[in-house]
């Protein structure tokens, strides 16, 4: 979204301000600025709500889990699926 909205400068400034705010003895005012950047960029819950953004479900992981569940035969344990092989008397 930041790329689509052309917010490269805002993202860069947020990163710079965050680095400064994490330093020992940084000012409360600087920390407030960082919080404002987080809100405006949708990096906080409040910012996501204000921007009306939602995190989409991971559809790829859901499909992968469905395929894995479909491959496993129902009602059989791992032990039941093991086969003994005749090694020919090694």
PDB file of N, CA and C in Angstrom:
ATOM      1  N   UNK A   1       0.815  -1.190   0.000  1.00  0.00           N
ATOM      2  CA  UNK A   1       0.000   0.000   0.000  1.00  0.00           C
ATOM      3  C   UNK A   1       0.862   1.259   0.000  1.00  0.00           C
ATOM      4  N   UNK A   2       1.969   1.208   0.720  1.00  0.00           N
ATOM      5  CA  UNK A   2       2.815   2.400   0.769  1.00  0.00           C
ATOM      6  C   UNK A   2       3.338   2.748  -0.625  1.00  0.00           C
ATOM      7  N   UNK A   3       3.697   1.714  -1.381  1.00  0.00           N
ATOM      8  CA  UNK A   3       4.175   1.954  -2.740  1.00  0.00           C
ATOM      9  C   UNK A   3       3.046   2.501  -3.600  1.00  0.00           C
ATOM     10  N   UNK A   4       1.880   1.904  -3.484  1.00  0.00           N
ATOM     11  CA  UNK A   4       0.728   2.352  -4.271  1.00  0.00           C
ATOM     12  C   UNK A   4       0.362   3.795  -3.943  1.00  0.00           C
ATOM     13  N   UNK A   5       0.520   4.174  -2.684  1.00  0.00           N
ATOM     14  CA  UNK A   5       0.177   5.536  -2.254  1.00  0.00           C
ATOM     15  C   UNK A   5       1.351   6.512  -2.386  1.00  0.00           C
ATOM     16  N   UNK A   6       2.502   6.017  -2.830  1.00  0.00           N
ATOM     17  CA  UNK A   6       3.671   6.876  -3.014  1.00  0.00           C
ATOM     18  C   UNK A   6       4.228   7.410  -1.701  1.00  0.00           C
ATOM     19  N   UNK A   7       4.281   6.583  -0.677  1.00  0.00           N
ATOM     20  CA  UNK A   7       4.720   7.012   0.647  1.00  0.00           C
ATOM     21  C   UNK A   7       6.156   6.610   0.961  1.00  0.00           C
ATOM     22  N   UNK A   8       7.011   6.583  -0.046  1.00  0.00           N
ATOM     23  CA  UNK A   8       8.407   6.190   0.168  1.00  0.00           C
ATOM     24  C   UNK A   8       9.082   7.106   1.175  1.00  0.00           C
ATOM     25  N   UNK A   9       8.873   8.399   1.023  1.00  0.00           N
ATOM     26  CA  UNK A   9       9.513   9.378   1.904  1.00  0.00           C
ATOM     27  C   UNK A   9       9.038   9.194   3.344  1.00  0.00           C
ATOM     28  N   UNK A  10       7.728   8.990   3.538  1.00  0.00           N
ATOM     29  CA  UNK A  10       7.179   8.822   4.881  1.00  0.00           C
ATOM     30  C   UNK A  10       7.738   7.564   5.554  1.00  0.00           C
ATOM     31  N   UNK A  11       7.867   6.489   4.783  1.00  0.00           N
ATOM     32  CA  UNK A  11       8.421   5.250   5.330  1.00  0.00           C
ATOM     33  C   UNK A  11       9.881   5.473   5.726  1.00  0.00           C
ATOM     34  N   UNK A  12      10.642   6.133   4.876  1.00  0.00           N
ATOM     35  CA  UNK A  12      12.046   6.406   5.180  1.00  0.00           C
ATOM     36  C   UNK A  12      12.183   7.276   6.425  1.00  0.00           C
ATOM     37  N   UNK A  13      11.354   8.298   6.531  1.00  0.00           N
ATOM     38  CA  UNK A  13      11.414   9.171   7.708  1.00  0.00           C
ATOM     39  C   UNK A  13      11.017   8.418   8.974  1.00  0.00           C
ATOM     40  N   UNK A  14      10.046   7.533   8.864  1.00  0.00           N
ATOM     41  CA  UNK A  14       9.630   6.734  10.015  1.00  0.00           C
ATOM     42  C   UNK A  14      10.793   5.876  10.503  1.00  0.00           C
ATOM     43  N   UNK A  15      11.497   5.243   9.589  1.00  0.00           N
ATOM     44  CA  UNK A  15      12.636   4.393   9.954  1.00  0.00           C
ATOM     45  C   UNK A  15      13.734   5.229  10.613  1.00  0.00           C
ATOM     46  N   UNK A  16      14.011   6.395  10.042  1.00  0.00           N
ATOM     47  CA  UNK A  16      15.043   7.260  10.629  1.00  0.00           C
ATOM     48  C   UNK A  16      14.663   7.719  12.035  1.00  0.00           C
ATOM     49  N   UNK A  17      13.421   8.148  12.189  1.00  0.00           N
ATOM     50  CA  UNK A  17      12.960   8.621  13.497  1.00  0.00           C
ATOM     51  C   UNK A  17      12.930   7.482  14.516  1.00  0.00           C
ATOM     52  N   UNK A  18      12.541   6.292  14.080  1.00  0.00           N
ATOM     53  CA  UNK A  18      12.520   5.136  14.977  1.00  0.00           C
ATOM     54  C   UNK A  18      13.934   4.827  15.473  1.00  0.00           C
ATOM     55  N   UNK A  19      14.910   4.873  14.568  1.00  0.00           N
ATOM     56  CA  UNK A  19      16.302   4.609  14.963  1.00  0.00           C
ATOM     57  C   UNK A  19      16.754   5.629  16.004  1.00  0.00           C
ATOM     58  N   UNK A  20      16.383   6.881  15.819  1.00  0.00           N
ATOM     59  CA  UNK A  20      16.757   7.923  16.792  1.00  0.00           C
ATOM     60  C   UNK A  20      16.006   7.737  18.107  1.00  0.00           C
ATOM     61  N   UNK A  21      14.722   7.358  18.027  1.00  0.00           N
ATOM     62  CA  UNK A  21      13.909   7.209  19.241  1.00  0.00           C
ATOM     63  C   UNK A  21      14.358   6.024  20.081  1.00  0.00           C
ATOM     64  N   UNK A  22      15.004   5.038  19.469  1.00  0.00           N
ATOM     65  CA  UNK A  22      15.469   3.865  20.208  1.00  0.00           C
ATOM     66  C   UNK A  22      16.785   4.107  20.941  1.00  0.00           C
ATOM     67  N   UNK A  23      17.411   5.236  20.689  1.00  0.00           N
ATOM     68  CA  UNK A  23      18.672   5.558  21.356  1.00  0.00           C
ATOM     69  C   UNK A  23      18.418   5.904  22.830  1.00  0.00           C
ATOM     70  N   UNK A  24      19.390   5.617  23.690  1.00  0.00           N
ATOM     71  CA  UNK A  24      19.238   6.001  25.095  1.00  0.00           C
ATOM     72  C   UNK A  24      19.018   7.511  25.220  1.00  0.00           C
ATOM     73  N   UNK A  25      18.198   7.885  26.147  1.00  0.00           N
ATOM     74  CA  UNK A  25      17.901   9.291  26.451  1.00  0.00           C
ATOM     75  C   UNK A  25      17.222  10.021  25.293  1.00  0.00           C
ATOM     76  N   UNK A  26      16.484   9.301  24.441  1.00  0.00           N
ATOM     77  CA  UNK A  26      15.745  10.001  23.388  1.00  0.00           C
ATOM     78  C   UNK A  26      14.571  10.746  24.018  1.00  0.00           C
ATOM     79  N   UNK A  27      14.135  11.789  23.363  1.00  0.00           N
ATOM     80  CA  UNK A  27      13.082  12.620  23.936  1.00  0.00           C
ATOM     81  C   UNK A  27      11.702  11.984  23.764  1.00  0.00           C
ATOM     82  N   UNK A  28      10.813  12.355  24.655  1.00  0.00           N
ATOM     83  CA  UNK A  28       9.432  11.894  24.575  1.00  0.00           C
ATOM     84  C   UNK A  28       8.786  12.437  23.299  1.00  0.00           C
ATOM     85  N   UNK A  29       9.147  13.647  22.922  1.00  0.00           N
ATOM     86  CA  UNK A  29       8.585  14.252  21.708  1.00  0.00           C
ATOM     87  C   UNK A  29       8.945  13.424  20.469  1.00  0.00           C
ATOM     88  N   UNK A  30      10.157  12.936  20.414  1.00  0.00           N
ATOM     89  CA  UNK A  30      10.584  12.109  19.285  1.00  0.00           C
ATOM     90  C   UNK A  30       9.801  10.802  19.267  1.00  0.00           C
ATOM     91  N   UNK A  31       9.562  10.231  20.440  1.00  0.00           N
ATOM     92  CA  UNK A  31       8.777   9.002  20.520  1.00  0.00           C
ATOM     93  C   UNK A  31       7.331   9.238  20.086  1.00  0.00           C
ATOM     94  N   UNK A  32       6.806  10.408  20.367  1.00  0.00           N
ATOM     95  CA  UNK A  32       5.455  10.756  19.912  1.00  0.00           C
ATOM     96  C   UNK A  32       5.408  10.857  18.390  1.00  0.00           C
ATOM     97  N   UNK A  33       6.454  11.417  17.806  1.00  0.00           N
ATOM     98  CA  UNK A  33       6.517  11.533  16.342  1.00  0.00           C
ATOM     99  C   UNK A  33       6.520  10.141  15.707  1.00  0.00           C
ATOM    100  N   UNK A  34       7.282   9.232  16.293  1.00  0.00           N
ATOM    101  CA  UNK A  34       7.335   7.857  15.779  1.00  0.00           C
ATOM    102  C   UNK A  34       5.955   7.215  15.868  1.00  0.00           C
ATOM    103  N   UNK A  35       5.283   7.406  16.980  1.00  0.00           N
ATOM    104  CA  UNK A  35       3.933   6.853  17.142  1.00  0.00           C
ATOM    105  C   UNK A  35       2.987   7.423  16.074  1.00  0.00           C
ATOM    106  N   UNK A  36       3.126   8.696  15.756  1.00  0.00           N
ATOM    107  CA  UNK A  36       2.307   9.314  14.713  1.00  0.00           C
ATOM    108  C   UNK A  36       2.609   8.713  13.345  1.00  0.00           C
ATOM    109  N   UNK A  37       3.895   8.474  13.073  1.00  0.00           N
ATOM    110  CA  UNK A  37       4.262   7.814  11.818  1.00  0.00           C
ATOM    111  C   UNK A  37       3.648   6.413  11.752  1.00  0.00           C
ATOM    112  N   UNK A  38       3.733   5.674  12.853  1.00  0.00           N
ATOM    113  CA  UNK A  38       3.158   4.329  12.883  1.00  0.00           C
ATOM    114  C   UNK A  38       1.665   4.379  12.570  1.00  0.00           C
ATOM    115  N   UNK A  39       0.977   5.327  13.168  1.00  0.00           N
ATOM    116  CA  UNK A  39      -0.459   5.459  12.913  1.00  0.00           C
ATOM    117  C   UNK A  39      -0.730   5.821  11.455  1.00  0.00           C
ATOM    118  N   UNK A  40       0.006   6.775  10.917  1.00  0.00           N
ATOM    119  CA  UNK A  40      -0.258   7.215   9.544  1.00  0.00           C
ATOM    120  C   UNK A  40       0.103   6.148   8.514  1.00  0.00           C
ATOM    121  N   UNK A  41       1.088   5.293   8.830  1.00  0.00           N
ATOM    122  CA  UNK A  41       1.498   4.244   7.895  1.00  0.00           C
ATOM    123  C   UNK A  41       0.770   2.917   8.119  1.00  0.00           C
ATOM    124  N   UNK A  42      -0.148   2.890   9.074  1.00  0.00           N
ATOM    125  CA  UNK A  42      -0.903   1.667   9.327  1.00  0.00           C
ATOM    126  C   UNK A  42      -0.097   0.597  10.035  1.00  0.00           C
ATOM    127  N   UNK A  43       0.909   0.998  10.790  1.00  0.00           N
ATOM    128  CA  UNK A  43       1.747   0.032  11.507  1.00  0.00           C
ATOM    129  C   UNK A  43       1.255  -0.243  12.916  1.00  0.00           C
ATOM    130  N   UNK A  44       0.241   0.460  13.326  1.00  0.00           N
ATOM    131  CA  UNK A  44      -0.364   0.229  14.639  1.00  0.00           C
ATOM    132  C   UNK A  44      -1.813  -0.200  14.427  1.00  0.00           C
ATOM    133  N   UNK A  45      -2.404  -0.741  15.459  1.00  0.00           N
ATOM    134  CA  UNK A  45      -3.813  -1.141  15.365  1.00  0.00           C
ATOM    135  C   UNK A  45      -4.678   0.068  15.041  1.00  0.00           C
ATOM    136  N   UNK A  46      -4.417   1.174  15.731  1.00  0.00           N
ATOM    137  CA  UNK A  46      -5.185   2.399  15.492  1.00  0.00           C
ATOM    138  C   UNK A  46      -5.013   2.870  14.041  1.00  0.00           C
ATOM    139  N   UNK A  47      -3.781   2.797  13.535  1.00  0.00           N
ATOM    140  CA  UNK A  47      -3.526   3.211  12.156  1.00  0.00           C
ATOM    141  C   UNK A  47      -4.213   2.315  11.147  1.00  0.00           C
ATOM    142  N   UNK A  48      -4.228   1.010  11.414  1.00  0.00           N
ATOM    143  CA  UNK A  48      -4.928   0.086  10.510  1.00  0.00           C
ATOM    144  C   UNK A  48      -6.420   0.380  10.501  1.00  0.00           C
ATOM    145  N   UNK A  49      -6.975   0.655  11.670  1.00  0.00           N
ATOM    146  CA  UNK A  49      -8.405   0.971  11.745  1.00  0.00           C
ATOM    147  C   UNK A  49      -8.710   2.271  10.997  1.00  0.00           C
ATOM    148  N   UNK A  50      -7.877   3.272  11.185  1.00  0.00           N
ATOM    149  CA  UNK A  50      -8.098   4.564  10.537  1.00  0.00           C
ATOM    150  C   UNK A  50      -7.998   4.450   9.010  1.00  0.00           C
ATOM    151  N   UNK A  51      -7.050   3.651   8.551  1.00  0.00           N
ATOM    152  CA  UNK A  51      -6.883   3.450   7.106  1.00  0.00           C
ATOM    153  C   UNK A  51      -7.863   2.431   6.531  1.00  0.00           C
ATOM    154  N   UNK A  52      -8.603   1.777   7.429  1.00  0.00           N
ATOM    155  CA  UNK A  52      -9.551   0.723   7.049  1.00  0.00           C
ATOM    156  C   UNK A  52      -8.842  -0.437   6.350  1.00  0.00           C
ATOM    157  N   UNK A  53      -7.671  -0.784   6.894  1.00  0.00           N
ATOM    158  CA  UNK A  53      -6.890  -1.888   6.359  1.00  0.00           C
ATOM    159  C   UNK A  53      -7.150  -3.127   7.177  1.00  0.00           C
ATOM    160  N   UNK A  54      -7.089  -4.267   6.510  1.00  0.00           N
ATOM    161  CA  UNK A  54      -7.199  -5.561   7.174  1.00  0.00           C
ATOM    162  C   UNK A  54      -6.074  -6.444   6.676  1.00  0.00           C
ATOM    163  N   UNK A  55      -5.642  -7.334   7.522  1.00  0.00           N
ATOM    164  CA  UNK A  55      -4.634  -8.308   7.113  1.00  0.00           C
ATOM    165  C   UNK A  55      -5.378  -9.496   6.538  1.00  0.00           C
ATOM    166  N   UNK A  56      -5.082  -9.812   5.299  1.00  0.00           N
ATOM    167  CA  UNK A  56      -5.767 -10.904   4.607  1.00  0.00           C
ATOM    168  C   UNK A  56      -5.277 -12.245   5.137  1.00  0.00           C
ATOM    169  N   UNK A  57      -6.152 -13.242   5.119  1.00  0.00           N
ATOM    170  CA  UNK A  57      -5.711 -14.574   5.539  1.00  0.00           C
ATOM    171  C   UNK A  57      -4.688 -15.131   4.555  1.00  0.00           C
ATOM    172  N   UNK A  58      -3.849 -16.024   5.027  1.00  0.00           N
ATOM    173  CA  UNK A  58      -2.829 -16.650   4.201  1.00  0.00           C
ATOM    174  C   UNK A  58      -3.482 -17.794   3.418  1.00  0.00           C
ATOM    175  N   UNK A  59      -3.943 -17.480   2.222  1.00  0.00           N
ATOM    176  CA  UNK A  59      -4.674 -18.460   1.419  1.00  0.00           C
ATOM    177  C   UNK A  59      -3.784 -19.613   0.966  1.00  0.00           C
ATOM    178  N   UNK A  60      -2.525 -19.352   0.705  1.00  0.00           N
ATOM    179  CA  UNK A  60      -1.607 -20.400   0.268  1.00  0.00           C
ATOM    180  C   UNK A  60      -1.440 -21.441   1.369  1.00  0.00           C
ATOM    181  N   UNK A  61      -1.249 -20.988   2.603  1.00  0.00           N
ATOM    182  CA  UNK A  61      -1.091 -21.932   3.721  1.00  0.00           C
ATOM    183  C   UNK A  61      -2.363 -22.734   3.943  1.00  0.00           C
ATOM    184  N   UNK A  62      -3.511 -22.079   3.771  1.00  0.00           N
ATOM    185  CA  UNK A  62      -4.777 -22.794   3.950  1.00  0.00           C
ATOM    186  C   UNK A  62      -4.944 -23.884   2.888  1.00  0.00           C
ATOM    187  N   UNK A  63      -4.596 -23.588   1.638  1.00  0.00           N
ATOM    188  CA  UNK A  63      -4.698 -24.591   0.570  1.00  0.00           C
ATOM    189  C   UNK A  63      -3.731 -25.739   0.813  1.00  0.00           C
ATOM    190  N   UNK A  64      -2.518 -25.396   1.272  1.00  0.00           N
ATOM    191  CA  UNK A  64      -1.513 -26.423   1.549  1.00  0.00           C
ATOM    192  C   UNK A  64      -2.005 -27.347   2.662  1.00  0.00           C
ATOM    193  N   UNK A  65      -2.593 -26.786   3.705  1.00  0.00           N
ATOM    194  CA  UNK A  65      -3.106 -27.596   4.814  1.00  0.00           C
ATOM    195  C   UNK A  65      -4.246 -28.486   4.346  1.00  0.00           C
ATOM    196  N   UNK A  66      -5.084 -27.974   3.462  1.00  0.00           N
ATOM    197  CA  UNK A  66      -6.194 -28.767   2.944  1.00  0.00           C
ATOM    198  C   UNK A  66      -5.679 -29.937   2.119  1.00  0.00           C
ATOM    199  N   UNK A  67      -4.677 -29.701   1.271  1.00  0.00           N
ATOM    200  CA  UNK A  67      -4.099 -30.769   0.456  1.00  0.00           C
ATOM    201  C   UNK A  67      -3.439 -31.825   1.340  1.00  0.00           C
ATOM    202  N   UNK A  68      -2.716 -31.408   2.365  1.00  0.00           N
ATOM    203  CA  UNK A  68      -2.044 -32.341   3.262  1.00  0.00           C
ATOM    204  C   UNK A  68      -3.062 -33.205   3.994  1.00  0.00           C
ATOM    205  N   UNK A  69      -4.142 -32.590   4.444  1.00  0.00           N
ATOM    206  CA  UNK A  69      -5.182 -33.340   5.155  1.00  0.00           C
ATOM    207  C   UNK A  69      -5.875 -34.318   4.220  1.00  0.00           C
ATOM    208  N   UNK A  70      -6.023 -33.952   2.952  1.00  0.00           N
ATOM    209  CA  UNK A  70      -6.694 -34.830   1.991  1.00  0.00           C
ATOM    210  C   UNK A  70      -5.826 -36.040   1.643  1.00  0.00           C
ATOM    211  N   UNK A  71      -4.503 -35.896   1.683  1.00  0.00           N
ATOM    212  CA  UNK A  71      -3.601 -36.994   1.338  1.00  0.00           C
ATOM    213  C   UNK A  71      -3.553 -38.065   2.421  1.00  0.00           C
ATOM    214  N   UNK A  72      -3.682 -37.686   3.673  1.00  0.00           N
ATOM    215  CA  UNK A  72      -3.571 -38.635   4.782  1.00  0.00           C
ATOM    216  C   UNK A  72      -4.846 -39.454   4.888  1.00  0.00           C
ATOM    217  N   UNK A  73      -4.721 -40.776   4.868  1.00  0.00           N
ATOM    218  CA  UNK A  73      -5.916 -41.596   5.014  1.00  0.00           C
ATOM    219  C   UNK A  73      -6.507 -41.440   6.411  1.00  0.00           C
ATOM    220  N   UNK A  74      -7.803 -41.288   6.458  1.00  0.00           N
ATOM    221  CA  UNK A  74      -8.478 -41.060   7.738  1.00  0.00           C
ATOM    222  C   UNK A  74      -8.556 -42.352   8.534  1.00  0.00           C
ATOM    223  N   UNK A  75      -8.403 -42.239   9.828  1.00  0.00           N
ATOM    224  CA  UNK A  75      -8.594 -43.375  10.718  1.00  0.00           C
ATOM    225  C   UNK A  75      -7.398 -44.302  10.849  1.00  0.00           C
ATOM    226  N   UNK A  76      -6.314 -44.034  10.147  1.00  0.00           N
ATOM    227  CA  UNK A  76      -5.138 -44.902  10.256  1.00  0.00           C
ATOM    228  C   UNK A  76      -4.034 -44.145  10.965  1.00  0.00           C
ATOM    229  N   UNK A  77      -3.418 -44.809  11.898  1.00  0.00           N
ATOM    230  CA  UNK A  77      -2.325 -44.181  12.632  1.00  0.00           C
ATOM    231  C   UNK A  77      -1.030 -44.334  11.836  1.00  0.00           C
ATOM    232  N   UNK A  78      -0.023 -43.629  12.271  1.00  0.00           N
ATOM    233  CA  UNK A  78       1.288 -43.715  11.626  1.00  0.00           C
ATOM    234  C   UNK A  78       1.802 -45.146  11.694  1.00  0.00           C
ATOM    235  N   UNK A  79       1.609 -45.804  12.806  1.00  0.00           N
ATOM    236  CA  UNK A  79       2.070 -47.189  12.976  1.00  0.00           C
ATOM    237  C   UNK A  79       1.370 -48.105  11.975  1.00  0.00           C
ATOM    238  N   UNK A  80       0.060 -47.900  11.745  1.00  0.00           N
ATOM    239  CA  UNK A  80      -0.686 -48.738  10.805  1.00  0.00           C
ATOM    240  C   UNK A  80      -0.196 -48.568   9.363  1.00  0.00           C
ATOM    241  N   UNK A  81       0.359 -47.377   9.071  1.00  0.00           N
ATOM    242  CA  UNK A  81       0.811 -47.116   7.699  1.00  0.00           C
ATOM    243  C   UNK A  81       2.221 -47.617   7.428  1.00  0.00           C
ATOM    244  N   UNK A  82       2.954 -48.037   8.440  1.00  0.00           N
ATOM    245  CA  UNK A  82       4.315 -48.560   8.249  1.00  0.00           C
ATOM    246  C   UNK A  82       4.261 -49.949   7.667  1.00  0.00           C
ATOM    247  N   UNK A  83       5.219 -50.251   6.804  1.00  0.00           N
ATOM    248  CA  UNK A  83       5.293 -51.580   6.200  1.00  0.00           C
ATOM    249  C   UNK A  83       6.628 -52.207   6.587  1.00  0.00           C
ATOM    250  N   UNK A  84       6.590 -53.483   6.901  1.00  0.00           N
ATOM    251  CA  UNK A  84       7.825 -54.213   7.187  1.00  0.00           C
ATOM    252  C   UNK A  84       8.387 -54.726   5.878  1.00  0.00           C
ATOM    253  N   UNK A  85       9.666 -54.539   5.674  1.00  0.00           N
ATOM    254  CA  UNK A  85      10.336 -54.986   4.446  1.00  0.00           C
ATOM    255  C   UNK A  85      11.259 -56.131   4.796  1.00  0.00           C
ATOM    256  N   UNK A  86      11.327 -57.121   3.899  1.00  0.00           N
ATOM    257  CA  UNK A  86      12.242 -58.221   4.088  1.00  0.00           C
ATOM    258  C   UNK A  86      13.584 -57.786   3.524  1.00  0.00           C
ATOM    259  N   UNK A  87      14.558 -57.656   4.398  1.00  0.00           N
ATOM    260  CA  UNK A  87      15.876 -57.192   3.989  1.00  0.00           C
ATOM    261  C   UNK A  87      16.733 -58.271   3.341  1.00  0.00           C
ATOM    262  N   UNK A  88      16.242 -59.467   3.230  1.00  0.00           N
ATOM    263  CA  UNK A  88      16.998 -60.534   2.586  1.00  0.00           C
ATOM    264  C   UNK A  88      18.126 -61.067   3.462  1.00  0.00           C
ATOM    265  N   UNK A  89      18.076 -60.805   4.775  1.00  0.00           N
ATOM    266  CA  UNK A  89      19.079 -61.348   5.688  1.00  0.00           C
ATOM    267  C   UNK A  89      20.440 -60.712   5.484  1.00  0.00           C
ATOM    268  N   UNK A  90      20.555 -59.472   5.834  1.00  0.00           N
ATOM    269  CA  UNK A  90      21.800 -58.740   5.648  1.00  0.00           C
ATOM    270  C   UNK A  90      22.922 -59.298   6.382  1.00  0.00           C
TER     271      UNK A  90
END
